[in-house]
Amino acid sequence: MREADDTQSLADKAYDALVEALRVGQLRAGQFVSVPQLTVLLDAPTAPVRDAVKRAGEHGLLTALPKRGLQVMEAEATAIRGCLDLRRALDQEGARRRIAGKQLDGLGALREAHEGMRRAALAASSAGLPSKAIAVDLSLHDFLADGLGNSLLSAAYDVNRIRIAVIQKVRPFLQDRIVSAMDEHLAVIEAIAQGDADTAVAAIDHHYAQTLRWWGVS
C-alpha cells in the first residue's frame, strides 16, 4: 500500500512539473517531445512521467501521435475559441452565483487592482507591465471561478486555465491591450457590485469577443 502511495505521489509531482513547464513556456504550443526528454525536463522517473503524460492527454494538453511522439496542444483558432468559450460560460455562471449568494468579499480589492493597472498602462510607467497585467487579469477570473462552488466545475476551470496559459505564450498580452482589458474587467466588477447578473453576463460576453479579436480569431 505504501509503495502504491509513493508511486501516486511521484506521478502527482511529475504532473505538477509538467503543468508548470507548460505554464512558463518550457513546453510550447505545437512542440513535439518524447517521454525520455520529459524525464530529463521534469526530473522524474519514466513511470511517473508516463502517468503524467496520460493525465495530460485526458485533459487535452498533450496528444500522442504514432511515430512522431507527444505534441503539446496547438494554439490554433479552433482550440482558442473552444478554450475561451468554456471560460466565458464558467465565468458567467460564477458571476451569477456570486451575485445570487451575495458573495462579494474581495471585490473592492479587485477593483483597486484593475484601476491601478489601468493607470499604469496609460502612463506606461512600469517595465514588464504585460506580465503584471496578466496577474491582475487572472485575479478576476479566479474570483469568478471561486464563485462556482462546485468541485467538478472548478476542476474544469483549472485545466482550462492551463490551456489558456499555453495559448498566451504564443499570443502574449500586448501593452496596447491592457487598458481595454482592464475596462472590460471593470465593467464586469461594477455589474457584480450592483447585483446585476444580466449586465455582468453581457460584460463577460463582450470581454470574450474582444479577446478573440485581439488574438486574431474571428
Protein backbone atom coordinates (compact mmCIF):
# COMPACT_ATOMS: atom_id res chain seq x y z
CA MET A 1 0.00 0.00 0.00
CA ARG A 2 2.84 2.34 0.94
CA GLU A 3 4.56 1.65 -2.41
CA ALA A 4 1.37 2.47 -4.29
CA ASP A 5 1.03 5.74 -2.37
CA ASP A 6 4.64 6.65 -3.15
CA THR A 7 4.08 5.88 -6.84
CA GLN A 8 0.99 8.08 -6.90
CA SER A 9 2.88 10.86 -5.17
CA LEU A 10 5.63 10.69 -7.80
CA ALA A 11 3.01 10.74 -10.55
CA ASP A 12 1.36 13.80 -9.00
CA LYS A 13 4.72 15.54 -8.72
CA ALA A 14 5.53 14.71 -12.34
CA TYR A 15 2.15 16.05 -13.47
CA ASP A 16 2.60 19.26 -11.45
CA ALA A 17 6.06 19.71 -13.00
CA LEU A 18 4.61 19.11 -16.47
CA VAL A 19 1.90 21.71 -15.88
CA GLU A 20 4.48 24.22 -14.68
CA ALA A 21 6.60 23.58 -17.78
CA LEU A 22 3.53 24.36 -19.90
CA ARG A 23 2.70 27.48 -17.88
CA VAL A 24 6.17 29.03 -18.14
CA GLY A 25 6.76 28.06 -21.77
CA GLN A 26 9.38 25.36 -21.34
CA LEU A 27 6.94 23.31 -23.39
CA ARG A 28 5.34 25.43 -26.08
CA ALA A 29 2.23 25.08 -28.21
CA GLY A 30 2.69 22.58 -31.05
CA GLN A 31 6.07 21.36 -29.77
CA PHE A 32 6.96 17.67 -30.12
CA VAL A 33 8.62 15.92 -27.20
CA SER A 34 9.40 12.35 -26.18
CA VAL A 35 8.96 10.62 -22.83
CA PRO A 36 12.76 10.38 -22.36
CA GLN A 37 13.04 14.13 -22.96
CA LEU A 38 10.30 14.74 -20.42
CA THR A 39 12.03 12.63 -17.79
CA VAL A 40 15.00 14.99 -18.07
CA LEU A 41 12.94 18.17 -18.21
CA LEU A 42 10.70 17.17 -15.30
CA ASP A 43 13.49 15.45 -13.35
CA ALA A 44 11.26 12.43 -12.76
CA PRO A 45 11.41 8.67 -13.40
CA THR A 46 9.86 7.19 -16.51
CA ALA A 47 6.83 5.52 -14.90
CA PRO A 48 5.55 8.67 -13.15
CA VAL A 49 6.18 10.68 -16.31
CA ARG A 50 4.10 8.22 -18.33
CA ASP A 51 1.30 8.61 -15.78
CA ALA A 52 1.58 12.39 -16.03
CA VAL A 53 1.51 12.21 -19.83
CA LYS A 54 -1.64 10.07 -19.72
CA ARG A 55 -3.33 12.56 -17.41
CA ALA A 56 -2.27 15.49 -19.58
CA GLY A 57 -3.63 13.67 -22.61
CA GLU A 58 -7.01 13.24 -20.94
CA HIS A 59 -7.07 17.00 -20.40
CA GLY A 60 -6.14 17.81 -23.98
CA LEU A 61 -2.75 19.24 -23.08
CA LEU A 62 -0.71 16.61 -24.91
CA THR A 63 -1.53 14.32 -27.84
CA ALA A 64 0.32 11.08 -28.63
CA LEU A 65 0.96 10.79 -32.37
CA PRO A 66 2.21 7.46 -33.79
CA LYS A 67 5.87 7.57 -34.85
CA ARG A 68 6.07 11.29 -34.01
CA GLY A 69 5.90 11.35 -30.24
CA LEU A 70 3.94 13.66 -27.97
CA GLN A 71 2.68 17.01 -29.18
CA VAL A 72 1.75 19.93 -26.95
CA MET A 73 -1.70 21.32 -27.73
CA GLU A 74 -1.65 23.74 -30.64
CA ALA A 75 -2.73 27.36 -30.25
CA GLU A 76 -4.84 27.36 -33.40
CA ALA A 77 -8.17 29.08 -33.92
CA THR A 78 -10.43 26.15 -33.02
CA ALA A 79 -8.58 25.50 -29.77
CA ILE A 80 -8.58 29.20 -28.86
CA ARG A 81 -12.30 29.55 -29.48
CA GLY A 82 -13.02 26.41 -27.50
CA CYS A 83 -10.91 27.41 -24.50
CA LEU A 84 -12.24 30.95 -24.34
CA ASP A 85 -15.83 29.82 -24.86
CA LEU A 86 -15.50 27.41 -21.92
CA ARG A 87 -14.01 30.16 -19.77
CA ARG A 88 -16.79 32.53 -20.81
CA ALA A 89 -19.51 30.05 -19.81
CA LEU A 90 -17.89 29.30 -16.45
CA ASP A 91 -17.16 32.97 -15.77
CA GLN A 92 -20.75 33.87 -16.47
CA GLU A 93 -22.05 31.16 -14.16
CA GLY A 94 -19.55 32.19 -11.49
CA ALA A 95 -20.81 35.78 -11.74
CA ARG A 96 -24.42 34.65 -11.46
CA ARG A 97 -23.68 32.59 -8.36
CA ARG A 98 -21.60 35.34 -6.75
CA ILE A 99 -24.49 37.76 -7.23
CA ALA A 100 -27.20 35.32 -6.15
CA GLY A 101 -25.31 34.42 -2.98
CA LYS A 102 -24.13 38.00 -2.34
CA GLN A 103 -20.56 36.64 -2.21
CA LEU A 104 -18.77 39.92 -2.85
CA ASP A 105 -15.81 39.72 -0.45
CA GLY A 106 -12.66 40.85 -2.25
CA LEU A 107 -14.49 42.72 -4.99
CA GLY A 108 -13.25 46.11 -3.77
CA ALA A 109 -9.63 44.94 -3.85
CA LEU A 110 -10.15 43.62 -7.37
CA ARG A 111 -11.49 46.99 -8.47
CA GLU A 112 -8.49 48.82 -6.96
CA ALA A 113 -6.00 46.44 -8.61
CA HIS A 114 -7.64 46.87 -12.02
CA GLU A 115 -7.86 50.65 -11.71
CA GLY A 116 -4.21 50.79 -10.66
CA MET A 117 -3.14 48.67 -13.61
CA ARG A 118 -5.20 50.84 -15.95
CA ARG A 119 -3.47 53.99 -14.65
CA ALA A 120 -0.05 52.38 -15.01
CA ALA A 121 -0.81 51.34 -18.59
CA LEU A 122 -1.99 54.82 -19.52
CA ALA A 123 1.20 56.29 -18.07
CA ALA A 124 3.37 53.49 -19.50
CA SER A 125 5.15 53.82 -16.18
CA SER A 126 6.26 50.29 -15.48
CA ALA A 127 8.69 47.89 -17.11
CA GLY A 128 7.31 44.42 -17.67
CA LEU A 129 3.76 45.72 -17.50
CA PRO A 130 2.16 42.96 -19.64
CA SER A 131 3.26 40.21 -17.23
CA LYS A 132 1.90 42.21 -14.30
CA ALA A 133 -1.31 42.83 -16.23
CA ILE A 134 -1.77 39.08 -16.71
CA ALA A 135 -1.70 38.61 -12.94
CA VAL A 136 -4.34 41.31 -12.47
CA ASP A 137 -6.38 39.88 -15.35
CA LEU A 138 -6.30 36.39 -13.83
CA SER A 139 -7.38 37.72 -10.43
CA LEU A 140 -10.89 38.45 -11.73
CA HIS A 141 -11.13 35.08 -13.46
CA ASP A 142 -10.03 33.40 -10.21
CA PHE A 143 -12.72 35.36 -8.34
CA LEU A 144 -15.38 34.16 -10.77
CA ALA A 145 -14.11 30.57 -10.71
CA ASP A 146 -14.17 30.54 -6.90
CA GLY A 147 -17.81 31.62 -7.08
CA LEU A 148 -18.82 28.41 -8.84
CA GLY A 149 -18.93 26.45 -5.59
CA ASN A 150 -18.71 23.12 -7.41
CA SER A 151 -15.59 20.97 -7.36
CA LEU A 152 -16.26 19.47 -10.81
CA LEU A 153 -16.76 22.87 -12.41
CA SER A 154 -13.70 24.21 -10.60
CA ALA A 155 -11.60 21.29 -11.86
CA ALA A 156 -12.71 22.01 -15.43
CA TYR A 157 -11.82 25.66 -14.93
CA ASP A 158 -8.36 24.78 -13.58
CA VAL A 159 -7.49 22.59 -16.56
CA ASN A 160 -8.77 25.19 -18.98
CA ARG A 161 -6.62 27.80 -17.25
CA ILE A 162 -3.57 25.69 -18.15
CA ARG A 163 -4.66 25.52 -21.79
CA ILE A 164 -5.08 29.29 -21.91
CA ALA A 165 -1.62 29.74 -20.37
CA VAL A 166 -0.17 27.69 -23.25
CA ILE A 167 -2.03 29.89 -25.74
CA GLN A 168 -0.85 33.09 -24.03
CA LYS A 169 2.78 32.09 -24.59
CA VAL A 170 2.07 32.24 -28.31
CA ARG A 171 -0.31 35.20 -28.18
CA PRO A 172 1.03 37.34 -25.34
CA PHE A 173 -0.74 40.17 -23.54
CA LEU A 174 0.24 43.27 -25.55
CA GLN A 175 0.85 46.61 -23.87
CA ASP A 176 -1.76 48.19 -26.13
CA ARG A 177 -4.37 45.70 -24.93
CA ILE A 178 -4.05 46.42 -21.21
CA VAL A 179 -6.29 49.49 -20.92
CA SER A 180 -9.19 47.99 -22.87
CA ALA A 181 -8.88 44.68 -21.00
CA MET A 182 -8.96 46.49 -17.64
CA ASP A 183 -12.01 48.49 -18.81
CA GLU A 184 -13.78 45.28 -19.78
CA HIS A 185 -12.98 43.69 -16.43
CA LEU A 186 -14.06 46.81 -14.54
CA ALA A 187 -17.43 46.63 -16.30
CA VAL A 188 -17.83 43.06 -15.01
CA ILE A 189 -16.78 44.12 -11.50
CA GLU A 190 -19.23 47.03 -11.48
CA ALA A 191 -22.11 44.84 -12.62
CA ILE A 192 -21.37 42.30 -9.87
CA ALA A 193 -21.13 45.10 -7.30
CA GLN A 194 -24.55 46.34 -8.43
CA GLY A 195 -26.02 42.84 -8.25
CA ASP A 196 -26.94 42.99 -11.93
CA ALA A 197 -26.48 39.46 -13.28
CA ASP A 198 -27.71 40.25 -16.81
CA THR A 199 -25.24 43.11 -17.20
CA ALA A 200 -22.40 41.01 -15.75
CA VAL A 201 -23.12 38.20 -18.21
CA ALA A 202 -23.23 40.66 -21.12
CA ALA A 203 -19.96 42.29 -19.99
CA ILE A 204 -18.25 38.89 -19.84
CA ASP A 205 -19.59 38.10 -23.30
CA HIS A 206 -18.13 41.38 -24.60
CA HIS A 207 -14.77 40.63 -22.97
CA TYR A 208 -14.72 37.21 -24.64
CA ALA A 209 -15.44 38.73 -28.07
CA GLN A 210 -12.75 41.38 -27.66
CA THR A 211 -10.16 38.84 -26.52
CA LEU A 212 -10.84 36.76 -29.63
CA ARG A 213 -10.43 39.87 -31.77
CA TRP A 214 -7.13 40.82 -30.15
CA TRP A 215 -5.88 37.29 -30.60
CA GLY A 216 -6.76 37.47 -34.29
CA VAL A 217 -9.52 34.88 -34.16
CA SER A 218 -12.85 35.62 -35.81
